């Protein structure tokens, strides 16, 4: 049904997929942090999110983080190996973003439930 696949709900689902993919990449980097020959996996998927959404990300407030480089990935980091502190910080930021989107999706479904049943849960 179209009601369960509105643009907003599809956006939330795509964002959750991107954050899951980013979590997997960061976890792989953390697991191989002490491996000297390991080359760090790119963990900034904001470009892929833009493609998935087919639009540009907008900074609605000057205090918000910029979409470019917001995951803390520095240029040339792939050649330098893995900085465990940086990866753990990236993991924490990604978890916060995932939790936020997850809560927004939950609220969207709760709103549908309220519309269908006529009562709040």
PDB file of N, CA and C in Angstrom:
ATOM      1  N   UNK A   1       0.832  -1.179   0.000  1.00  0.00           N
ATOM      2  CA  UNK A   1       0.000   0.000   0.000  1.00  0.00           C
ATOM      3  C   UNK A   1       0.878   1.244   0.000  1.00  0.00           C
ATOM      4  N   UNK A   2       0.403   2.241  -0.710  1.00  0.00           N
ATOM      5  CA  UNK A   2       1.163   3.476  -0.825  1.00  0.00           C
ATOM      6  C   UNK A   2       1.308   4.198   0.515  1.00  0.00           C
ATOM      7  N   UNK A   3       0.343   4.043   1.388  1.00  0.00           N
ATOM      8  CA  UNK A   3       0.388   4.745   2.668  1.00  0.00           C
ATOM      9  C   UNK A   3       1.601   4.309   3.502  1.00  0.00           C
ATOM     10  N   UNK A   4       2.012   3.051   3.345  1.00  0.00           N
ATOM     11  CA  UNK A   4       3.159   2.545   4.099  1.00  0.00           C
ATOM     12  C   UNK A   4       4.481   2.811   3.389  1.00  0.00           C
ATOM     13  N   UNK A   5       4.415   3.318   2.174  1.00  0.00           N
ATOM     14  CA  UNK A   5       5.621   3.638   1.410  1.00  0.00           C
ATOM     15  C   UNK A   5       5.605   5.093   0.963  1.00  0.00           C
ATOM     16  N   UNK A   6       5.229   5.973   1.862  1.00  0.00           N
ATOM     17  CA  UNK A   6       5.239   7.399   1.546  1.00  0.00           C
ATOM     18  C   UNK A   6       6.683   7.855   1.359  1.00  0.00           C
ATOM     19  N   UNK A   7       6.851   9.018   0.784  1.00  0.00           N
ATOM     20  CA  UNK A   7       8.201   9.546   0.541  1.00  0.00           C
ATOM     21  C   UNK A   7       8.990   9.660   1.840  1.00  0.00           C
ATOM     22  N   UNK A   8       8.317  10.077   2.901  1.00  0.00           N
ATOM     23  CA  UNK A   8       8.988  10.247   4.189  1.00  0.00           C
ATOM     24  C   UNK A   8       9.460   8.899   4.742  1.00  0.00           C
ATOM     25  N   UNK A   9       8.602   7.897   4.692  1.00  0.00           N
ATOM     26  CA  UNK A   9       8.963   6.577   5.211  1.00  0.00           C
ATOM     27  C   UNK A   9      10.068   5.954   4.376  1.00  0.00           C
ATOM     28  N   UNK A  10       9.996   6.102   3.053  1.00  0.00           N
ATOM     29  CA  UNK A  10      11.061   5.573   2.194  1.00  0.00           C
ATOM     30  C   UNK A  10      12.390   6.268   2.471  1.00  0.00           C
ATOM     31  N   UNK A  11      12.349   7.567   2.716  1.00  0.00           N
ATOM     32  CA  UNK A  11      13.556   8.313   3.060  1.00  0.00           C
ATOM     33  C   UNK A  11      14.174   7.764   4.339  1.00  0.00           C
ATOM     34  N   UNK A  12      13.352   7.532   5.354  1.00  0.00           N
ATOM     35  CA  UNK A  12      13.854   6.997   6.621  1.00  0.00           C
ATOM     36  C   UNK A  12      14.465   5.610   6.425  1.00  0.00           C
ATOM     37  N   UNK A  13      13.811   4.772   5.626  1.00  0.00           N
ATOM     38  CA  UNK A  13      14.336   3.426   5.379  1.00  0.00           C
ATOM     39  C   UNK A  13      15.681   3.484   4.657  1.00  0.00           C
ATOM     40  N   UNK A  14      15.796   4.364   3.667  1.00  0.00           N
ATOM     41  CA  UNK A  14      17.059   4.504   2.941  1.00  0.00           C
ATOM     42  C   UNK A  14      18.157   5.025   3.856  1.00  0.00           C
ATOM     43  N   UNK A  15      17.823   5.970   4.710  1.00  0.00           N
ATOM     44  CA  UNK A  15      18.808   6.511   5.649  1.00  0.00           C
ATOM     45  C   UNK A  15      19.277   5.428   6.612  1.00  0.00           C
ATOM     46  N   UNK A  16      18.364   4.583   7.086  1.00  0.00           N
ATOM     47  CA  UNK A  16      18.756   3.481   7.969  1.00  0.00           C
ATOM     48  C   UNK A  16      19.686   2.511   7.250  1.00  0.00           C
ATOM     49  N   UNK A  17      19.409   2.239   5.972  1.00  0.00           N
ATOM     50  CA  UNK A  17      20.289   1.364   5.191  1.00  0.00           C
ATOM     51  C   UNK A  17      21.692   1.954   5.073  1.00  0.00           C
ATOM     52  N   UNK A  18      21.774   3.252   4.823  1.00  0.00           N
ATOM     53  CA  UNK A  18      23.072   3.917   4.701  1.00  0.00           C
ATOM     54  C   UNK A  18      23.823   3.861   6.027  1.00  0.00           C
ATOM     55  N   UNK A  19      23.139   4.134   7.126  1.00  0.00           N
ATOM     56  CA  UNK A  19      23.801   4.105   8.435  1.00  0.00           C
ATOM     57  C   UNK A  19      24.231   2.687   8.810  1.00  0.00           C
ATOM     58  N   UNK A  20      23.467   1.685   8.400  1.00  0.00           N
ATOM     59  CA  UNK A  20      23.859   0.298   8.643  1.00  0.00           C
ATOM     60  C   UNK A  20      25.124  -0.040   7.861  1.00  0.00           C
ATOM     61  N   UNK A  21      25.171   0.388   6.612  1.00  0.00           N
ATOM     62  CA  UNK A  21      26.350   0.147   5.778  1.00  0.00           C
ATOM     63  C   UNK A  21      27.574   0.853   6.364  1.00  0.00           C
ATOM     64  N   UNK A  22      27.376   2.072   6.839  1.00  0.00           N
ATOM     65  CA  UNK A  22      28.471   2.823   7.446  1.00  0.00           C
ATOM     66  C   UNK A  22      28.952   2.136   8.724  1.00  0.00           C
ATOM     67  N   UNK A  23      28.026   1.625   9.527  1.00  0.00           N
ATOM     68  CA  UNK A  23      28.389   0.913  10.754  1.00  0.00           C
ATOM     69  C   UNK A  23      29.245  -0.312  10.437  1.00  0.00           C
ATOM     70  N   UNK A  24      28.866  -1.053   9.407  1.00  0.00           N
ATOM     71  CA  UNK A  24      29.626  -2.241   9.016  1.00  0.00           C
ATOM     72  C   UNK A  24      31.044  -1.873   8.589  1.00  0.00           C
ATOM     73  N   UNK A  25      31.191  -0.789   7.838  1.00  0.00           N
ATOM     74  CA  UNK A  25      32.516  -0.355   7.392  1.00  0.00           C
ATOM     75  C   UNK A  25      33.377   0.086   8.574  1.00  0.00           C
ATOM     76  N   UNK A  26      32.791   0.837   9.498  1.00  0.00           N
ATOM     77  CA  UNK A  26      33.539   1.294  10.672  1.00  0.00           C
ATOM     78  C   UNK A  26      33.943   0.098  11.525  1.00  0.00           C
ATOM     79  N   UNK A  27      33.025  -0.854  11.709  1.00  0.00           N
ATOM     80  CA  UNK A  27      33.329  -2.045  12.505  1.00  0.00           C
ATOM     81  C   UNK A  27      34.480  -2.837  11.882  1.00  0.00           C
ATOM     82  N   UNK A  28      34.512  -2.896  10.569  1.00  0.00           N
ATOM     83  CA  UNK A  28      35.608  -3.585   9.879  1.00  0.00           C
ATOM     84  C   UNK A  28      36.926  -2.860  10.125  1.00  0.00           C
ATOM     85  N   UNK A  29      36.895  -1.533  10.096  1.00  0.00           N
ATOM     86  CA  UNK A  29      38.104  -0.752  10.374  1.00  0.00           C
ATOM     87  C   UNK A  29      38.584  -0.971  11.801  1.00  0.00           C
ATOM     88  N   UNK A  30      37.664  -0.978  12.755  1.00  0.00           N
ATOM     89  CA  UNK A  30      38.034  -1.185  14.160  1.00  0.00           C
ATOM     90  C   UNK A  30      38.625  -2.578  14.349  1.00  0.00           C
ATOM     91  N   UNK A  31      38.013  -3.570  13.730  1.00  0.00           N
ATOM     92  CA  UNK A  31      38.488  -4.947  13.872  1.00  0.00           C
ATOM     93  C   UNK A  31      39.897  -5.127  13.319  1.00  0.00           C
ATOM     94  N   UNK A  32      40.271  -4.318  12.345  1.00  0.00           N
ATOM     95  CA  UNK A  32      41.584  -4.446  11.714  1.00  0.00           C
ATOM     96  C   UNK A  32      42.529  -3.305  12.075  1.00  0.00           C
ATOM     97  N   UNK A  33      42.247  -2.596  13.151  1.00  0.00           N
ATOM     98  CA  UNK A  33      43.037  -1.418  13.525  1.00  0.00           C
ATOM     99  C   UNK A  33      44.508  -1.744  13.756  1.00  0.00           C
ATOM    100  N   UNK A  34      44.792  -2.916  14.279  1.00  0.00           N
ATOM    101  CA  UNK A  34      46.179  -3.276  14.597  1.00  0.00           C
ATOM    102  C   UNK A  34      46.838  -4.103  13.499  1.00  0.00           C
ATOM    103  N   UNK A  35      46.188  -4.234  12.388  1.00  0.00           N
ATOM    104  CA  UNK A  35      46.717  -4.953  11.238  1.00  0.00           C
ATOM    105  C   UNK A  35      47.523  -3.964  10.398  1.00  0.00           C
ATOM    106  N   UNK A  36      48.839  -4.106  10.354  1.00  0.00           N
ATOM    107  CA  UNK A  36      49.695  -3.095   9.718  1.00  0.00           C
ATOM    108  C   UNK A  36      49.459  -2.944   8.219  1.00  0.00           C
ATOM    109  N   UNK A  37      49.092  -3.993   7.524  1.00  0.00           N
ATOM    110  CA  UNK A  37      48.902  -3.915   6.072  1.00  0.00           C
ATOM    111  C   UNK A  37      47.467  -3.589   5.676  1.00  0.00           C
ATOM    112  N   UNK A  38      46.606  -3.403   6.653  1.00  0.00           N
ATOM    113  CA  UNK A  38      45.191  -3.146   6.372  1.00  0.00           C
ATOM    114  C   UNK A  38      45.001  -1.707   5.915  1.00  0.00           C
ATOM    115  N   UNK A  39      44.245  -1.543   4.837  1.00  0.00           N
ATOM    116  CA  UNK A  39      43.890  -0.202   4.367  1.00  0.00           C
ATOM    117  C   UNK A  39      42.460   0.079   4.777  1.00  0.00           C
ATOM    118  N   UNK A  40      42.287   1.196   5.378  1.00  0.00           N
ATOM    119  CA  UNK A  40      41.021   1.630   5.936  1.00  0.00           C
ATOM    120  C   UNK A  40      39.917   1.672   4.875  1.00  0.00           C
ATOM    121  N   UNK A  41      38.731   1.207   5.245  1.00  0.00           N
ATOM    122  CA  UNK A  41      37.560   1.251   4.376  1.00  0.00           C
ATOM    123  C   UNK A  41      36.910   2.620   4.527  1.00  0.00           C
ATOM    124  N   UNK A  42      36.545   3.213   3.408  1.00  0.00           N
ATOM    125  CA  UNK A  42      35.877   4.519   3.424  1.00  0.00           C
ATOM    126  C   UNK A  42      34.569   4.405   4.203  1.00  0.00           C
ATOM    127  N   UNK A  43      34.340   5.363   5.095  1.00  0.00           N
ATOM    128  CA  UNK A  43      33.126   5.305   5.917  1.00  0.00           C
ATOM    129  C   UNK A  43      32.212   6.506   5.727  1.00  0.00           C
ATOM    130  N   UNK A  44      32.475   7.340   4.760  1.00  0.00           N
ATOM    131  CA  UNK A  44      31.609   8.490   4.510  1.00  0.00           C
ATOM    132  C   UNK A  44      30.682   8.143   3.351  1.00  0.00           C
ATOM    133  N   UNK A  45      29.436   7.820   3.677  1.00  0.00           N
ATOM    134  CA  UNK A  45      28.478   7.418   2.666  1.00  0.00           C
ATOM    135  C   UNK A  45      27.478   8.522   2.343  1.00  0.00           C
ATOM    136  N   UNK A  46      27.815   9.765   2.677  1.00  0.00           N
ATOM    137  CA  UNK A  46      26.874  10.857   2.408  1.00  0.00           C
ATOM    138  C   UNK A  46      26.635  11.026   0.909  1.00  0.00           C
ATOM    139  N   UNK A  47      27.668  10.762   0.085  1.00  0.00           N
ATOM    140  CA  UNK A  47      27.476  10.848  -1.363  1.00  0.00           C
ATOM    141  C   UNK A  47      26.481   9.795  -1.839  1.00  0.00           C
ATOM    142  N   UNK A  48      26.583   8.580  -1.282  1.00  0.00           N
ATOM    143  CA  UNK A  48      25.648   7.527  -1.661  1.00  0.00           C
ATOM    144  C   UNK A  48      24.234   7.861  -1.204  1.00  0.00           C
ATOM    145  N   UNK A  49      24.121   8.496  -0.046  1.00  0.00           N
ATOM    146  CA  UNK A  49      22.802   8.904   0.433  1.00  0.00           C
ATOM    147  C   UNK A  49      22.204   9.950  -0.501  1.00  0.00           C
ATOM    148  N   UNK A  50      23.029  10.885  -0.981  1.00  0.00           N
ATOM    149  CA  UNK A  50      22.548  11.903  -1.921  1.00  0.00           C
ATOM    150  C   UNK A  50      22.024  11.251  -3.196  1.00  0.00           C
ATOM    151  N   UNK A  51      22.768  10.259  -3.699  1.00  0.00           N
ATOM    152  CA  UNK A  51      22.342   9.571  -4.916  1.00  0.00           C
ATOM    153  C   UNK A  51      21.033   8.830  -4.657  1.00  0.00           C
ATOM    154  N   UNK A  52      20.953   8.157  -3.500  1.00  0.00           N
ATOM    155  CA  UNK A  52      19.743   7.403  -3.169  1.00  0.00           C
ATOM    156  C   UNK A  52      18.534   8.318  -3.065  1.00  0.00           C
ATOM    157  N   UNK A  53      18.741   9.497  -2.564  1.00  0.00           N
ATOM    158  CA  UNK A  53      17.640  10.439  -2.402  1.00  0.00           C
ATOM    159  C   UNK A  53      17.399  11.256  -3.659  1.00  0.00           C
ATOM    160  N   UNK A  54      18.398  11.250  -4.562  1.00  0.00           N
ATOM    161  CA  UNK A  54      18.340  12.007  -5.808  1.00  0.00           C
ATOM    162  C   UNK A  54      18.139  13.496  -5.546  1.00  0.00           C
ATOM    163  N   UNK A  55      18.761  13.969  -4.490  1.00  0.00           N
ATOM    164  CA  UNK A  55      18.711  15.386  -4.162  1.00  0.00           C
ATOM    165  C   UNK A  55      19.911  15.712  -3.293  1.00  0.00           C
ATOM    166  N   UNK A  56      20.172  16.978  -3.119  1.00  0.00           N
ATOM    167  CA  UNK A  56      21.293  17.379  -2.282  1.00  0.00           C
ATOM    168  C   UNK A  56      20.850  17.488  -0.835  1.00  0.00           C
ATOM    169  N   UNK A  57      21.795  17.222   0.067  1.00  0.00           N
ATOM    170  CA  UNK A  57      21.516  17.406   1.485  1.00  0.00           C
ATOM    171  C   UNK A  57      21.565  18.894   1.782  1.00  0.00           C
ATOM    172  N   UNK A  58      20.675  19.366   2.618  1.00  0.00           N
ATOM    173  CA  UNK A  58      20.612  20.790   2.929  1.00  0.00           C
ATOM    174  C   UNK A  58      20.942  21.014   4.392  1.00  0.00           C
ATOM    175  N   UNK A  59      21.707  22.044   4.637  1.00  0.00           N
ATOM    176  CA  UNK A  59      22.043  22.442   5.997  1.00  0.00           C
ATOM    177  C   UNK A  59      21.007  23.482   6.404  1.00  0.00           C
ATOM    178  N   UNK A  60      20.062  23.094   7.264  1.00  0.00           N
ATOM    179  CA  UNK A  60      18.950  23.981   7.601  1.00  0.00           C
ATOM    180  C   UNK A  60      19.304  25.018   8.652  1.00  0.00           C
ATOM    181  N   UNK A  61      20.434  24.848   9.306  1.00  0.00           N
ATOM    182  CA  UNK A  61      20.862  25.781  10.348  1.00  0.00           C
ATOM    183  C   UNK A  61      22.384  25.843  10.302  1.00  0.00           C
ATOM    184  N   UNK A  62      22.956  27.030  10.449  1.00  0.00           N
ATOM    185  CA  UNK A  62      24.412  27.172  10.363  1.00  0.00           C
ATOM    186  C   UNK A  62      25.133  26.392  11.455  1.00  0.00           C
ATOM    187  N   UNK A  63      24.433  26.049  12.534  1.00  0.00           N
ATOM    188  CA  UNK A  63      25.055  25.289  13.618  1.00  0.00           C
ATOM    189  C   UNK A  63      25.102  23.793  13.329  1.00  0.00           C
ATOM    190  N   UNK A  64      24.394  23.337  12.301  1.00  0.00           N
ATOM    191  CA  UNK A  64      24.409  21.920  11.949  1.00  0.00           C
ATOM    192  C   UNK A  64      25.714  21.568  11.251  1.00  0.00           C
ATOM    193  N   UNK A  65      26.087  20.293  11.329  1.00  0.00           N
ATOM    194  CA  UNK A  65      27.313  19.848  10.673  1.00  0.00           C
ATOM    195  C   UNK A  65      27.128  19.871   9.166  1.00  0.00           C
ATOM    196  N   UNK A  66      28.195  20.197   8.472  1.00  0.00           N
ATOM    197  CA  UNK A  66      28.189  20.193   7.019  1.00  0.00           C
ATOM    198  C   UNK A  66      28.158  18.750   6.537  1.00  0.00           C
ATOM    199  N   UNK A  67      27.484  18.481   5.427  1.00  0.00           N
ATOM    200  CA  UNK A  67      27.385  17.113   4.926  1.00  0.00           C
ATOM    201  C   UNK A  67      28.714  16.594   4.399  1.00  0.00           C
ATOM    202  N   UNK A  68      29.597  17.463   3.993  1.00  0.00           N
ATOM    203  CA  UNK A  68      30.905  17.025   3.512  1.00  0.00           C
ATOM    204  C   UNK A  68      31.849  16.881   4.701  1.00  0.00           C
ATOM    205  N   UNK A  69      32.400  15.683   4.864  1.00  0.00           N
ATOM    206  CA  UNK A  69      33.368  15.452   5.926  1.00  0.00           C
ATOM    207  C   UNK A  69      32.765  15.323   7.303  1.00  0.00           C
ATOM    208  N   UNK A  70      31.463  15.202   7.400  1.00  0.00           N
ATOM    209  CA  UNK A  70      30.833  15.159   8.713  1.00  0.00           C
ATOM    210  C   UNK A  70      31.119  13.873   9.466  1.00  0.00           C
ATOM    211  N   UNK A  71      31.551  12.832   8.767  1.00  0.00           N
ATOM    212  CA  UNK A  71      31.821  11.582   9.461  1.00  0.00           C
ATOM    213  C   UNK A  71      33.214  11.536  10.041  1.00  0.00           C
ATOM    214  N   UNK A  72      33.991  12.597   9.858  1.00  0.00           N
ATOM    215  CA  UNK A  72      35.321  12.633  10.446  1.00  0.00           C
ATOM    216  C   UNK A  72      36.386  11.956   9.607  1.00  0.00           C
ATOM    217  N   UNK A  73      36.078  11.598   8.394  1.00  0.00           N
ATOM    218  CA  UNK A  73      37.056  10.940   7.547  1.00  0.00           C
ATOM    219  C   UNK A  73      37.951  11.996   6.927  1.00  0.00           C
ATOM    220  N   UNK A  74      39.250  11.875   7.131  1.00  0.00           N
ATOM    221  CA  UNK A  74      40.170  12.857   6.576  1.00  0.00           C
ATOM    222  C   UNK A  74      40.703  12.376   5.238  1.00  0.00           C
ATOM    223  N   UNK A  75      41.097  13.323   4.401  1.00  0.00           N
ATOM    224  CA  UNK A  75      41.662  12.978   3.105  1.00  0.00           C
ATOM    225  C   UNK A  75      42.965  12.218   3.310  1.00  0.00           C
ATOM    226  N   UNK A  76      43.174  11.183   2.530  1.00  0.00           N
ATOM    227  CA  UNK A  76      44.403  10.412   2.614  1.00  0.00           C
ATOM    228  C   UNK A  76      44.433   9.425   3.763  1.00  0.00           C
ATOM    229  N   UNK A  77      43.355   9.288   4.487  1.00  0.00           N
ATOM    230  CA  UNK A  77      43.335   8.381   5.634  1.00  0.00           C
ATOM    231  C   UNK A  77      43.476   6.930   5.196  1.00  0.00           C
ATOM    232  N   UNK A  78      43.043   6.616   3.970  1.00  0.00           N
ATOM    233  CA  UNK A  78      43.121   5.248   3.494  1.00  0.00           C
ATOM    234  C   UNK A  78      44.568   4.759   3.419  1.00  0.00           C
ATOM    235  N   UNK A  79      45.500   5.654   3.101  1.00  0.00           N
ATOM    236  CA  UNK A  79      46.896   5.262   2.980  1.00  0.00           C
ATOM    237  C   UNK A  79      47.587   5.177   4.336  1.00  0.00           C
ATOM    238  N   UNK A  80      47.075   5.871   5.329  1.00  0.00           N
ATOM    239  CA  UNK A  80      47.743   5.966   6.616  1.00  0.00           C
ATOM    240  C   UNK A  80      47.377   4.850   7.575  1.00  0.00           C
ATOM    241  N   UNK A  81      46.391   4.055   7.295  1.00  0.00           N
ATOM    242  CA  UNK A  81      45.956   3.030   8.220  1.00  0.00           C
ATOM    243  C   UNK A  81      44.756   3.503   9.009  1.00  0.00           C
ATOM    244  N   UNK A  82      44.554   2.885  10.168  1.00  0.00           N
ATOM    245  CA  UNK A  82      43.350   3.137  10.953  1.00  0.00           C
ATOM    246  C   UNK A  82      43.705   3.814  12.267  1.00  0.00           C
ATOM    247  N   UNK A  83      43.026   4.914  12.558  1.00  0.00           N
ATOM    248  CA  UNK A  83      43.140   5.578  13.854  1.00  0.00           C
ATOM    249  C   UNK A  83      41.953   5.099  14.685  1.00  0.00           C
ATOM    250  N   UNK A  84      42.239   4.286  15.704  1.00  0.00           N
ATOM    251  CA  UNK A  84      41.178   3.669  16.494  1.00  0.00           C
ATOM    252  C   UNK A  84      40.282   4.707  17.169  1.00  0.00           C
ATOM    253  N   UNK A  85      40.866   5.777  17.686  1.00  0.00           N
ATOM    254  CA  UNK A  85      40.058   6.821  18.330  1.00  0.00           C
ATOM    255  C   UNK A  85      39.106   7.484  17.341  1.00  0.00           C
ATOM    256  N   UNK A  86      39.601   7.750  16.151  1.00  0.00           N
ATOM    257  CA  UNK A  86      38.764   8.365  15.117  1.00  0.00           C
ATOM    258  C   UNK A  86      37.624   7.433  14.717  1.00  0.00           C
ATOM    259  N   UNK A  87      37.933   6.156  14.570  1.00  0.00           N
ATOM    260  CA  UNK A  87      36.905   5.188  14.180  1.00  0.00           C
ATOM    261  C   UNK A  87      35.839   5.043  15.266  1.00  0.00           C
ATOM    262  N   UNK A  88      36.252   5.041  16.522  1.00  0.00           N
ATOM    263  CA  UNK A  88      35.283   4.930  17.614  1.00  0.00           C
ATOM    264  C   UNK A  88      34.395   6.180  17.677  1.00  0.00           C
ATOM    265  N   UNK A  89      34.983   7.339  17.406  1.00  0.00           N
ATOM    266  CA  UNK A  89      34.189   8.572  17.358  1.00  0.00           C
ATOM    267  C   UNK A  89      33.198   8.514  16.199  1.00  0.00           C
ATOM    268  N   UNK A  90      33.654   8.028  15.048  1.00  0.00           N
ATOM    269  CA  UNK A  90      32.763   7.876  13.889  1.00  0.00           C
ATOM    270  C   UNK A  90      31.624   6.913  14.204  1.00  0.00           C
ATOM    271  N   UNK A  91      31.957   5.843  14.931  1.00  0.00           N
ATOM    272  CA  UNK A  91      30.946   4.861  15.305  1.00  0.00           C
ATOM    273  C   UNK A  91      29.886   5.484  16.213  1.00  0.00           C
ATOM    274  N   UNK A  92      30.321   6.300  17.164  1.00  0.00           N
ATOM    275  CA  UNK A  92      29.380   6.965  18.078  1.00  0.00           C
ATOM    276  C   UNK A  92      28.470   7.934  17.325  1.00  0.00           C
ATOM    277  N   UNK A  93      29.042   8.718  16.424  1.00  0.00           N
ATOM    278  CA  UNK A  93      28.248   9.669  15.629  1.00  0.00           C
ATOM    279  C   UNK A  93      27.243   8.915  14.762  1.00  0.00           C
ATOM    280  N   UNK A  94      27.697   7.840  14.140  1.00  0.00           N
ATOM    281  CA  UNK A  94      26.811   7.052  13.288  1.00  0.00           C
ATOM    282  C   UNK A  94      25.670   6.436  14.099  1.00  0.00           C
ATOM    283  N   UNK A  95      25.969   5.976  15.310  1.00  0.00           N
ATOM    284  CA  UNK A  95      24.931   5.385  16.161  1.00  0.00           C
ATOM    285  C   UNK A  95      23.876   6.421  16.540  1.00  0.00           C
ATOM    286  N   UNK A  96      24.316   7.625  16.842  1.00  0.00           N
ATOM    287  CA  UNK A  96      23.375   8.704  17.176  1.00  0.00           C
ATOM    288  C   UNK A  96      22.473   9.006  15.985  1.00  0.00           C
ATOM    289  N   UNK A  97      23.053   9.069  14.804  1.00  0.00           N
ATOM    290  CA  UNK A  97      22.264   9.333  13.596  1.00  0.00           C
ATOM    291  C   UNK A  97      21.272   8.202  13.329  1.00  0.00           C
ATOM    292  N   UNK A  98      21.742   6.958  13.485  1.00  0.00           N
ATOM    293  CA  UNK A  98      20.874   5.799  13.279  1.00  0.00           C
ATOM    294  C   UNK A  98      19.698   5.842  14.252  1.00  0.00           C
ATOM    295  N   UNK A  99      19.982   6.101  15.524  1.00  0.00           N
ATOM    296  CA  UNK A  99      18.928   6.165  16.539  1.00  0.00           C
ATOM    297  C   UNK A  99      17.915   7.263  16.221  1.00  0.00           C
ATOM    298  N   UNK A 100      18.401   8.408  15.753  1.00  0.00           N
ATOM    299  CA  UNK A 100      17.504   9.510  15.403  1.00  0.00           C
ATOM    300  C   UNK A 100      16.552   9.104  14.276  1.00  0.00           C
ATOM    301  N   UNK A 101      17.107   8.541  13.203  1.00  0.00           N
ATOM    302  CA  UNK A 101      16.277   8.146  12.062  1.00  0.00           C
ATOM    303  C   UNK A 101      15.316   7.032  12.472  1.00  0.00           C
ATOM    304  N   UNK A 102      15.795   6.108  13.285  1.00  0.00           N
ATOM    305  CA  UNK A 102      14.950   5.021  13.766  1.00  0.00           C
ATOM    306  C   UNK A 102      13.757   5.558  14.560  1.00  0.00           C
ATOM    307  N   UNK A 103      14.007   6.531  15.410  1.00  0.00           N
ATOM    308  CA  UNK A 103      12.915   7.145  16.175  1.00  0.00           C
ATOM    309  C   UNK A 103      11.940   7.893  15.272  1.00  0.00           C
ATOM    310  N   UNK A 104      12.448   8.547  14.236  1.00  0.00           N
ATOM    311  CA  UNK A 104      11.566   9.253  13.300  1.00  0.00           C
ATOM    312  C   UNK A 104      10.675   8.259  12.547  1.00  0.00           C
ATOM    313  N   UNK A 105      11.242   7.125  12.136  1.00  0.00           N
ATOM    314  CA  UNK A 105      10.454   6.096  11.455  1.00  0.00           C
ATOM    315  C   UNK A 105       9.396   5.529  12.403  1.00  0.00           C
ATOM    316  N   UNK A 106       9.776   5.320  13.644  1.00  0.00           N
ATOM    317  CA  UNK A 106       8.834   4.824  14.657  1.00  0.00           C
ATOM    318  C   UNK A 106       7.667   5.802  14.831  1.00  0.00           C
ATOM    319  N   UNK A 107       7.970   7.101  14.868  1.00  0.00           N
ATOM    320  CA  UNK A 107       6.918   8.115  15.008  1.00  0.00           C
ATOM    321  C   UNK A 107       6.003   8.133  13.784  1.00  0.00           C
ATOM    322  N   UNK A 108       6.585   7.939  12.600  1.00  0.00           N
ATOM    323  CA  UNK A 108       5.771   7.917  11.380  1.00  0.00           C
ATOM    324  C   UNK A 108       4.797   6.744  11.413  1.00  0.00           C
ATOM    325  N   UNK A 109       5.283   5.573  11.822  1.00  0.00           N
ATOM    326  CA  UNK A 109       4.406   4.405  11.917  1.00  0.00           C
ATOM    327  C   UNK A 109       3.377   4.568  13.038  1.00  0.00           C
ATOM    328  N   UNK A 110       3.766   5.196  14.134  1.00  0.00           N
ATOM    329  CA  UNK A 110       2.824   5.445  15.228  1.00  0.00           C
ATOM    330  C   UNK A 110       1.706   6.381  14.749  1.00  0.00           C
ATOM    331  N   UNK A 111       2.080   7.378  13.934  1.00  0.00           N
ATOM    332  CA  UNK A 111       1.075   8.279  13.378  1.00  0.00           C
ATOM    333  C   UNK A 111       0.100   7.553  12.471  1.00  0.00           C
ATOM    334  N   UNK A 112       0.611   6.619  11.663  1.00  0.00           N
ATOM    335  CA  UNK A 112      -0.271   5.814  10.814  1.00  0.00           C
ATOM    336  C   UNK A 112      -1.201   4.955  11.671  1.00  0.00           C
ATOM    337  N   UNK A 113      -0.651   4.376  12.721  1.00  0.00           N
ATOM    338  CA  UNK A 113      -1.457   3.542  13.612  1.00  0.00           C
ATOM    339  C   UNK A 113      -2.582   4.359  14.252  1.00  0.00           C
ATOM    340  N   UNK A 114      -2.247   5.558  14.676  1.00  0.00           N
ATOM    341  CA  UNK A 114      -3.254   6.437  15.276  1.00  0.00           C
ATOM    342  C   UNK A 114      -4.329   6.803  14.257  1.00  0.00           C
ATOM    343  N   UNK A 115      -3.920   7.063  13.020  1.00  0.00           N
ATOM    344  CA  UNK A 115      -4.882   7.407  11.962  1.00  0.00           C
ATOM    345  C   UNK A 115      -5.820   6.244  11.656  1.00  0.00           C
ATOM    346  N   UNK A 116      -5.274   5.042  11.669  1.00  0.00           N
ATOM    347  CA  UNK A 116      -6.076   3.863  11.324  1.00  0.00           C
ATOM    348  C   UNK A 116      -7.019   3.480  12.462  1.00  0.00           C
ATOM    349  N   UNK A 117      -6.497   3.439  13.676  1.00  0.00           N
ATOM    350  CA  UNK A 117      -7.297   2.966  14.813  1.00  0.00           C
ATOM    351  C   UNK A 117      -8.087   4.069  15.494  1.00  0.00           C
ATOM    352  N   UNK A 118      -7.635   5.297  15.354  1.00  0.00           N
ATOM    353  CA  UNK A 118      -8.319   6.409  15.990  1.00  0.00           C
ATOM    354  C   UNK A 118      -7.967   6.586  17.454  1.00  0.00           C
ATOM    355  N   UNK A 119      -6.965   5.873  17.924  1.00  0.00           N
ATOM    356  CA  UNK A 119      -6.533   6.026  19.318  1.00  0.00           C
ATOM    357  C   UNK A 119      -5.021   5.925  19.406  1.00  0.00           C
ATOM    358  N   UNK A 120      -4.493   6.554  20.412  1.00  0.00           N
ATOM    359  CA  UNK A 120      -3.045   6.516  20.616  1.00  0.00           C
ATOM    360  C   UNK A 120      -2.684   5.300  21.449  1.00  0.00           C
ATOM    361  N   UNK A 121      -1.479   4.804  21.229  1.00  0.00           N
ATOM    362  CA  UNK A 121      -1.046   3.627  21.993  1.00  0.00           C
ATOM    363  C   UNK A 121      -0.130   3.994  23.122  1.00  0.00           C
TER     364      UNK A 121
END
